[in-house]
Amino acid sequence: MNLECVEKIAEAVLYEGYMLYPYRASAVKNQQRWNFGVLSPRSYCEQQSGSDRWMMQTECLLKANPSTRLEIEIRFLQIVNRTIGKFASPMRELPDTAEPEFELVDELTIGERTFARWQEARERKLEIPAWSSATHSMHRDSFFEFPAQRELEPIRDTDGMIAGVIVRESEALSGSVEIDFTPCRDGFIKATVRVRNLTEYETDQQDDRAQALTHSLVSAHTILGVENGEFVSLLDPPRELSDLAAECTNLGAWPVLVGEGGSRNAMLSSPIILYDFPQIAPESPGSLFDGTEIDEILSLRILTMTDDEKREMRRSDDRTREILERTENMPPEQFMKLHGVLRGMRPVLEEAQ
């Protein structure tokens, strides 16, 4: 699937809410993250009285012919717990066999760099085998599994010795993707994609949601691309298809058309509400994880942070450090591009007589 037309939008959805201004771990809203597109383990959801989901469903309409080919991709983030270990005595290299002993600390400062505990995220992608209308296969099930991981990254001091380690741990995840194609009228097909979190997870009524999140699919969304066919807008369908569009049931998902020039060969089913053909402002120098905020305001606020606040922002992770460095190095002409942009003008309709 050629994702160039949807890549920036999909990435914005993937990292929406990953880290919010003031981009510091001590901020309350950054201690309660991952609010969008979370698919928790089924056992956890069934024990809770809230709105947590373990399944998301996308339904959309597709105009098809005998040569139509459909590709589907599922994307999400997996939470990675990052802890910091400190060695009693620096070593030259990590042993290849047993894991060395170290003391877990809240943070470790080496030179001008401070390493601290945090929750990172690992991008996951599920590419579903392409479907062709010529195969006449109207149902497909697939299963996925990611094993638990534990990785050690050495932290070297100014002499090149290993003074500590970054420990990254992620839990096992498993789930399924179920796809159904239902023929409608006049060559139209309803495509249904269900993503389920089937991870085994022991829970009780008092279980902590933060723990369940480590076994969850986060910012989950579906991308669909079609060749020799076209999607139908569910937000503004043709009048003759409005009843079929109304019958599409989407759970935890909001499918919209994406692409350039009004093309109808790609659709993004997002966990957040979007409009057809959403765009990232071309003036934006990069993601701020606050897709509904104004780049200029956030960038100026970042520059007003104290040195201590910036130090805390730097040690969160590479993505937030990149935001700070990019903002501090932004030339004045780039700031001017962010201010007062006028996209275009439309004529005012005369009042009906």
Foldseek 3Di string as FASTA:
>chain_A
DPCPQPVVVLVLLQLQFVAAPVLFCPDPSNVVTQPFDKQFAPVVVVLDPDDHHQKWKFKFKKQADQFKKKWKKKKFKAKKWKWKWFDPDWAQDADPPDGDDTDTDQWDDADLAIAGTAIDIDMDMDIDPMDGVNVVDFKDKDKDKDAKDWDWDFDAHPVNTGGITIIIIAHIWMWMWIWGWDDDPDRMIMIMIMIGTNDDDDDHNPDDVVVRSSHITGSMKMKMFMDRMFTAALVDGPPVCVVVSVPTDTGLWEKAATGPPPGGGMIITGSDDDYHHDDDPPLDPDDPSNRVDQNLVSLVVLVPDDPVSLSSSCNHDDVSVVSSVCSVPPDPVSSVVSPDDDDDDDDDDDDDD
